[in-house]
Every structure is written in C-alpha cells, then in structure tokens.
Amino acid sequence: MLLFRFPLLSMLCAVLLFDFIQCKKVICTDYCCSFVEAFPVKLKALRSSYDKIRDYYESKDDLETSLFNRTILEHFKSPYGCSVMNDVLYFYLNTVLPSAVQGERKRKHKTPIDTIGDVFFHLKRELLKCRNYFTCKKPFEISHIQDSYSQMGEKGLYKAMGELDLLFNYIEDYLVSKRRKN
C-alpha cells in the first residue's frame, strides 16, 4: 500500500506544480513584451555557444583587471540600463567579436562566435525597436570599457571574450527586470 502512495503523491505534486507554473505565465499583448518573455531561449543559445569556447579564452586571460565590474552591473540596473546594454552590444559587435572571428573565418560552418554575434545583433535590433518599452535614456558612457580594453592590448580580446558569461548575466538581469508582472 505504501508503494502506491508515493507515486500517487508525487504525481499529485507534479500536477499542482504544473498548474502553479501555468498561473504565473505572462500573457503579452505587444511585440516587445513577447520578445522579453521569449529571451530565455536566446540566452540559452548564448550560454551554449560560449561553453564551447570558454576554456580557450579563459586560459589566455591572465589579466587581473576586469572589464565588467560592479559599477557596470549597477549601470545595467539603473534607469539607463537600455542605453548601457545598447552600448555594450555595439562594443562587442564592432570591436570584440570581429577580432575574435578573424582566426575562425577560414571555416565554412557557423562558429559559436557567429552564434553569439547573431544573438547580440538581434538583441540590439530589438532594443532599438522597443525603445519605449525599455524606456531608453542615454547618460551611460562606454568609454571606460573601451579605454580599458584598448589598454589591455592584444590581451583585451581574451578578457572581453572571457567575461562573456558575466555579460550574459547582466543582460539576463536587465531583461528579467523588464518582465511584466501578472
């Protein structure tokens, strides 16, 4: 009798948990809300692609300084987070990823760096499309990150690529903060 109670109890808990999760689902009525709600799938693709190249870049990063410190995280969490994300994505799309891809271009197939670039490009485009949804304001200056990157010389690429997982967390925190509550 006891053997039958445990599976029955487990199934009941699973059904109740499923019902609870379904109640928490956000119903979006506009494009930008749908984009934010669907972003975890893109974030999973970012992390999966980065996992394939992480060891290489982290093994080459022997610098003690960081590009993404607590100050940048606070900027992401501020009312100017949209501008911060836009500037950081621009920096990666125009400076970091092209440098990282130079050695990878000999291949004919899509690389993890290409996938990261595609998701970043899509995210940047959606930020611009949804400026009102994200209430983008512009006082953030990315020059600190760019200056640090330049001062690191050739090792800046390894630092920037080695800190992608940190950037993914910042992006995730920002987009989660923009989710609509039921």
C-alpha atoms as a PDB file:
ATOM      1  CA  MET A   1       0.000   0.000   0.000  1.00  0.00           C
ATOM      2  CA  LEU A   2       2.845   2.351   0.859  1.00  0.00           C
ATOM      3  CA  LEU A   3       4.390   1.708  -2.566  1.00  0.00           C
ATOM      4  CA  PHE A   4       1.283   3.085  -4.254  1.00  0.00           C
ATOM      5  CA  ARG A   5       1.038   6.206  -2.086  1.00  0.00           C
ATOM      6  CA  PHE A   6       4.460   7.619  -3.008  1.00  0.00           C
ATOM      7  CA  PRO A   7       3.929   7.594  -6.814  1.00  0.00           C
ATOM      8  CA  LEU A   8       0.395   8.943  -6.359  1.00  0.00           C
ATOM      9  CA  LEU A   9       1.639  11.706  -4.059  1.00  0.00           C
ATOM     10  CA  SER A  10       4.480  12.519  -6.485  1.00  0.00           C
ATOM     11  CA  MET A  11       2.057  12.736  -9.402  1.00  0.00           C
ATOM     12  CA  LEU A  12      -0.288  14.993  -7.418  1.00  0.00           C
ATOM     13  CA  CYS A  13       2.625  17.319  -6.518  1.00  0.00           C
ATOM     14  CA  ALA A  14       3.713  17.437 -10.163  1.00  0.00           C
ATOM     15  CA  VAL A  15       0.191  18.353 -11.307  1.00  0.00           C
ATOM     16  CA  LEU A  16      -0.118  21.072  -8.661  1.00  0.00           C
ATOM     17  CA  LEU A  17       3.311  22.462  -9.556  1.00  0.00           C
ATOM     18  CA  PHE A  18       2.401  22.473 -13.261  1.00  0.00           C
ATOM     19  CA  ASP A  19      -0.832  24.332 -12.506  1.00  0.00           C
ATOM     20  CA  PHE A  20       1.079  26.853 -10.381  1.00  0.00           C
ATOM     21  CA  ILE A  21       3.610  27.482 -13.166  1.00  0.00           C
ATOM     22  CA  GLN A  22       0.821  27.917 -15.708  1.00  0.00           C
ATOM     23  CA  CYS A  23      -0.824  30.541 -13.492  1.00  0.00           C
ATOM     24  CA  LYS A  24       2.421  32.538 -13.460  1.00  0.00           C
ATOM     25  CA  LYS A  25       2.669  32.639 -17.263  1.00  0.00           C
ATOM     26  CA  VAL A  26       2.617  36.186 -18.597  1.00  0.00           C
ATOM     27  CA  ILE A  27       0.223  36.951 -21.424  1.00  0.00           C
ATOM     28  CA  CYS A  28       1.799  39.519 -23.735  1.00  0.00           C
ATOM     29  CA  THR A  29      -0.269  41.780 -25.918  1.00  0.00           C
ATOM     30  CA  ASP A  30       2.590  43.526 -27.696  1.00  0.00           C
ATOM     31  CA  TYR A  31       5.723  42.597 -29.600  1.00  0.00           C
ATOM     32  CA  CYS A  32       8.232  43.926 -27.076  1.00  0.00           C
ATOM     33  CA  CYS A  33       6.716  42.053 -24.160  1.00  0.00           C
ATOM     34  CA  SER A  34       6.780  38.860 -26.237  1.00  0.00           C
ATOM     35  CA  PHE A  35      10.431  39.469 -27.070  1.00  0.00           C
ATOM     36  CA  VAL A  36      11.361  39.831 -23.392  1.00  0.00           C
ATOM     37  CA  GLU A  37       9.357  36.754 -22.384  1.00  0.00           C
ATOM     38  CA  ALA A  38      10.977  34.654 -25.136  1.00  0.00           C
ATOM     39  CA  PHE A  39      14.533  35.818 -24.452  1.00  0.00           C
ATOM     40  CA  PRO A  40      15.473  32.911 -22.132  1.00  0.00           C
ATOM     41  CA  VAL A  41      15.669  30.709 -25.247  1.00  0.00           C
ATOM     42  CA  LYS A  42      18.184  33.135 -26.803  1.00  0.00           C
ATOM     43  CA  LEU A  43      20.089  33.298 -23.524  1.00  0.00           C
ATOM     44  CA  LYS A  44      20.356  29.508 -23.538  1.00  0.00           C
ATOM     45  CA  ALA A  45      21.817  29.671 -27.071  1.00  0.00           C
ATOM     46  CA  LEU A  46      24.325  32.311 -25.919  1.00  0.00           C
ATOM     47  CA  ARG A  47      25.467  30.231 -22.978  1.00  0.00           C
ATOM     48  CA  SER A  48      25.636  27.045 -25.019  1.00  0.00           C
ATOM     49  CA  SER A  49      27.780  28.715 -27.690  1.00  0.00           C
ATOM     50  CA  TYR A  50      30.004  30.312 -25.091  1.00  0.00           C
ATOM     51  CA  ASP A  51      30.533  26.998 -23.302  1.00  0.00           C
ATOM     52  CA  LYS A  52      32.199  25.722 -26.495  1.00  0.00           C
ATOM     53  CA  ILE A  53      34.836  28.485 -26.495  1.00  0.00           C
ATOM     54  CA  ARG A  54      35.085  29.468 -22.827  1.00  0.00           C
ATOM     55  CA  ASP A  55      38.095  27.380 -21.896  1.00  0.00           C
ATOM     56  CA  TYR A  56      40.167  28.789 -24.757  1.00  0.00           C
ATOM     57  CA  TYR A  57      39.535  32.434 -23.858  1.00  0.00           C
ATOM     58  CA  GLU A  58      39.730  31.977 -20.099  1.00  0.00           C
ATOM     59  CA  SER A  59      43.054  30.121 -20.415  1.00  0.00           C
ATOM     60  CA  LYS A  60      44.513  33.056 -22.383  1.00  0.00           C
ATOM     61  CA  ASP A  61      43.164  35.701 -19.963  1.00  0.00           C
ATOM     62  CA  ASP A  62      45.906  36.309 -17.420  1.00  0.00           C
ATOM     63  CA  LEU A  63      44.966  39.901 -16.569  1.00  0.00           C
ATOM     64  CA  GLU A  64      43.829  40.753 -13.047  1.00  0.00           C
ATOM     65  CA  THR A  65      41.682  43.726 -14.101  1.00  0.00           C
ATOM     66  CA  SER A  66      38.106  43.303 -15.225  1.00  0.00           C
ATOM     67  CA  LEU A  67      36.041  44.934 -17.945  1.00  0.00           C
ATOM     68  CA  PHE A  68      32.742  44.223 -16.211  1.00  0.00           C
ATOM     69  CA  ASN A  69      32.860  45.264 -12.593  1.00  0.00           C
ATOM     70  CA  ARG A  70      30.131  46.078 -10.068  1.00  0.00           C
ATOM     71  CA  THR A  71      29.819  49.614 -11.436  1.00  0.00           C
ATOM     72  CA  ILE A  72      28.757  48.294 -14.834  1.00  0.00           C
ATOM     73  CA  LEU A  73      26.249  45.978 -13.147  1.00  0.00           C
ATOM     74  CA  GLU A  74      24.790  48.976 -11.298  1.00  0.00           C
ATOM     75  CA  HIS A  75      24.513  50.838 -14.610  1.00  0.00           C
ATOM     76  CA  PHE A  76      22.621  47.859 -16.062  1.00  0.00           C
ATOM     77  CA  LYS A  77      20.214  48.028 -13.116  1.00  0.00           C
ATOM     78  CA  SER A  78      19.720  51.792 -13.403  1.00  0.00           C
ATOM     79  CA  PRO A  79      17.044  53.594 -15.443  1.00  0.00           C
ATOM     80  CA  TYR A  80      19.741  53.816 -18.128  1.00  0.00           C
ATOM     81  CA  GLY A  81      20.129  50.047 -18.467  1.00  0.00           C
ATOM     82  CA  CYS A  82      18.799  50.075 -22.020  1.00  0.00           C
ATOM     83  CA  SER A  83      21.482  52.543 -23.075  1.00  0.00           C
ATOM     84  CA  VAL A  84      24.158  50.536 -21.257  1.00  0.00           C
ATOM     85  CA  MET A  85      23.114  47.338 -22.991  1.00  0.00           C
ATOM     86  CA  ASN A  86      22.929  49.064 -26.356  1.00  0.00           C
ATOM     87  CA  ASP A  87      26.448  50.492 -25.968  1.00  0.00           C
ATOM     88  CA  VAL A  88      27.948  47.234 -24.691  1.00  0.00           C
ATOM     89  CA  LEU A  89      26.358  45.258 -27.534  1.00  0.00           C
ATOM     90  CA  TYR A  90      27.711  47.818 -30.029  1.00  0.00           C
ATOM     91  CA  PHE A  91      31.183  47.439 -28.482  1.00  0.00           C
ATOM     92  CA  TYR A  92      31.065  43.645 -28.787  1.00  0.00           C
ATOM     93  CA  LEU A  93      29.577  43.644 -32.276  1.00  0.00           C
ATOM     94  CA  ASN A  94      32.018  46.211 -33.686  1.00  0.00           C
ATOM     95  CA  THR A  95      35.214  45.616 -31.696  1.00  0.00           C
ATOM     96  CA  VAL A  96      35.437  42.352 -29.762  1.00  0.00           C
ATOM     97  CA  LEU A  97      33.670  39.765 -31.918  1.00  0.00           C
ATOM     98  CA  PRO A  98      35.282  40.851 -35.217  1.00  0.00           C
ATOM     99  CA  SER A  99      38.709  40.400 -33.575  1.00  0.00           C
ATOM    100  CA  ALA A 100      37.703  37.002 -32.208  1.00  0.00           C
ATOM    101  CA  VAL A 101      36.339  35.874 -35.556  1.00  0.00           C
ATOM    102  CA  GLN A 102      39.476  36.671 -37.590  1.00  0.00           C
ATOM    103  CA  GLY A 103      41.013  33.282 -36.872  1.00  0.00           C
ATOM    104  CA  GLU A 104      37.702  31.496 -37.252  1.00  0.00           C
ATOM    105  CA  ARG A 105      36.835  32.789 -40.752  1.00  0.00           C
ATOM    106  CA  LYS A 106      38.764  30.043 -42.506  1.00  0.00           C
ATOM    107  CA  ARG A 107      35.988  27.637 -41.583  1.00  0.00           C
ATOM    108  CA  LYS A 108      32.940  27.280 -43.780  1.00  0.00           C
ATOM    109  CA  HIS A 109      30.485  26.383 -40.985  1.00  0.00           C
ATOM    110  CA  LYS A 110      28.954  28.653 -38.380  1.00  0.00           C
ATOM    111  CA  THR A 111      31.100  29.053 -35.269  1.00  0.00           C
ATOM    112  CA  PRO A 112      29.980  29.682 -31.672  1.00  0.00           C
ATOM    113  CA  ILE A 113      31.254  33.254 -32.079  1.00  0.00           C
ATOM    114  CA  ASP A 114      28.946  33.679 -35.092  1.00  0.00           C
ATOM    115  CA  THR A 115      26.019  32.478 -32.989  1.00  0.00           C
ATOM    116  CA  ILE A 116      26.873  34.908 -30.181  1.00  0.00           C
ATOM    117  CA  GLY A 117      27.163  37.714 -32.731  1.00  0.00           C
ATOM    118  CA  ASP A 118      23.808  36.817 -34.292  1.00  0.00           C
ATOM    119  CA  VAL A 119      22.033  36.858 -30.919  1.00  0.00           C
ATOM    120  CA  PHE A 120      23.737  40.140 -29.946  1.00  0.00           C
ATOM    121  CA  PHE A 121      22.741  41.697 -33.282  1.00  0.00           C
ATOM    122  CA  HIS A 122      19.139  40.543 -32.837  1.00  0.00           C
ATOM    123  CA  LEU A 123      19.062  41.832 -29.251  1.00  0.00           C
ATOM    124  CA  LYS A 124      20.467  45.226 -30.294  1.00  0.00           C
ATOM    125  CA  ARG A 125      17.882  45.492 -33.075  1.00  0.00           C
ATOM    126  CA  GLU A 126      15.061  44.645 -30.653  1.00  0.00           C
ATOM    127  CA  LEU A 127      16.319  47.218 -28.135  1.00  0.00           C
ATOM    128  CA  LEU A 128      16.054  49.887 -30.803  1.00  0.00           C
ATOM    129  CA  LYS A 129      12.619  48.669 -31.902  1.00  0.00           C
ATOM    130  CA  CYS A 130      11.360  48.630 -28.323  1.00  0.00           C
ATOM    131  CA  ARG A 131      12.948  51.857 -27.042  1.00  0.00           C
ATOM    132  CA  ASN A 132       9.668  52.976 -25.490  1.00  0.00           C
ATOM    133  CA  TYR A 133       9.109  49.623 -23.805  1.00  0.00           C
ATOM    134  CA  PHE A 134      12.596  49.718 -22.287  1.00  0.00           C
ATOM    135  CA  THR A 135      12.466  53.489 -21.656  1.00  0.00           C
ATOM    136  CA  CYS A 136      15.943  54.055 -23.066  1.00  0.00           C
ATOM    137  CA  LYS A 137      17.842  57.048 -21.717  1.00  0.00           C
ATOM    138  CA  LYS A 138      21.381  57.977 -22.753  1.00  0.00           C
ATOM    139  CA  PRO A 139      23.747  59.152 -19.966  1.00  0.00           C
ATOM    140  CA  PHE A 140      25.897  55.982 -19.973  1.00  0.00           C
ATOM    141  CA  GLU A 141      29.368  56.319 -21.448  1.00  0.00           C
ATOM    142  CA  ILE A 142      31.036  53.152 -22.619  1.00  0.00           C
ATOM    143  CA  SER A 143      34.375  54.918 -22.976  1.00  0.00           C
ATOM    144  CA  HIS A 144      35.605  53.411 -19.678  1.00  0.00           C
ATOM    145  CA  ILE A 145      35.175  49.890 -21.029  1.00  0.00           C
ATOM    146  CA  GLN A 146      36.651  50.822 -24.404  1.00  0.00           C
ATOM    147  CA  ASP A 147      39.663  52.528 -22.775  1.00  0.00           C
ATOM    148  CA  SER A 148      40.323  49.542 -20.504  1.00  0.00           C
ATOM    149  CA  TYR A 149      40.025  47.205 -23.485  1.00  0.00           C
ATOM    150  CA  SER A 150      42.494  49.299 -25.517  1.00  0.00           C
ATOM    151  CA  GLN A 151      44.985  49.481 -22.637  1.00  0.00           C
ATOM    152  CA  MET A 152      44.965  45.693 -22.391  1.00  0.00           C
ATOM    153  CA  GLY A 153      46.321  45.459 -25.932  1.00  0.00           C
ATOM    154  CA  GLU A 154      46.107  42.015 -27.516  1.00  0.00           C
ATOM    155  CA  LYS A 155      45.011  40.540 -24.196  1.00  0.00           C
ATOM    156  CA  GLY A 156      41.882  42.705 -24.231  1.00  0.00           C
ATOM    157  CA  LEU A 157      40.256  40.263 -26.632  1.00  0.00           C
ATOM    158  CA  TYR A 158      40.790  37.383 -24.206  1.00  0.00           C
ATOM    159  CA  LYS A 159      39.497  39.479 -21.314  1.00  0.00           C
ATOM    160  CA  ALA A 160      36.368  40.572 -23.207  1.00  0.00           C
ATOM    161  CA  MET A 161      35.628  37.090 -24.505  1.00  0.00           C
ATOM    162  CA  GLY A 162      36.447  35.536 -21.112  1.00  0.00           C
ATOM    163  CA  GLU A 163      33.886  37.778 -19.425  1.00  0.00           C
ATOM    164  CA  LEU A 164      31.014  37.000 -21.792  1.00  0.00           C
ATOM    165  CA  ASP A 165      29.311  34.833 -19.174  1.00  0.00           C
ATOM    166  CA  LEU A 166      29.294  37.819 -16.823  1.00  0.00           C
ATOM    167  CA  LEU A 167      27.806  39.985 -19.572  1.00  0.00           C
ATOM    168  CA  PHE A 168      25.141  37.323 -20.206  1.00  0.00           C
ATOM    169  CA  ASN A 169      24.191  37.525 -16.519  1.00  0.00           C
ATOM    170  CA  TYR A 170      23.916  41.325 -16.705  1.00  0.00           C
ATOM    171  CA  ILE A 171      21.731  41.093 -19.818  1.00  0.00           C
ATOM    172  CA  GLU A 172      19.568  38.455 -18.158  1.00  0.00           C
ATOM    173  CA  ASP A 173      19.158  40.579 -15.009  1.00  0.00           C
ATOM    174  CA  TYR A 174      18.176  43.583 -17.091  1.00  0.00           C
ATOM    175  CA  LEU A 175      15.625  41.732 -19.207  1.00  0.00           C
ATOM    176  CA  VAL A 176      14.157  39.949 -16.179  1.00  0.00           C
ATOM    177  CA  SER A 177      13.655  43.356 -14.564  1.00  0.00           C
ATOM    178  CA  LYS A 178      11.597  44.351 -17.625  1.00  0.00           C
ATOM    179  CA  ARG A 179       9.245  41.388 -17.461  1.00  0.00           C
ATOM    180  CA  ARG A 180       5.644  42.277 -16.830  1.00  0.00           C
ATOM    181  CA  LYS A 181       4.095  41.106 -13.613  1.00  0.00           C
ATOM    182  CA  ASN A 182       0.689  39.368 -13.611  1.00  0.00           C
END
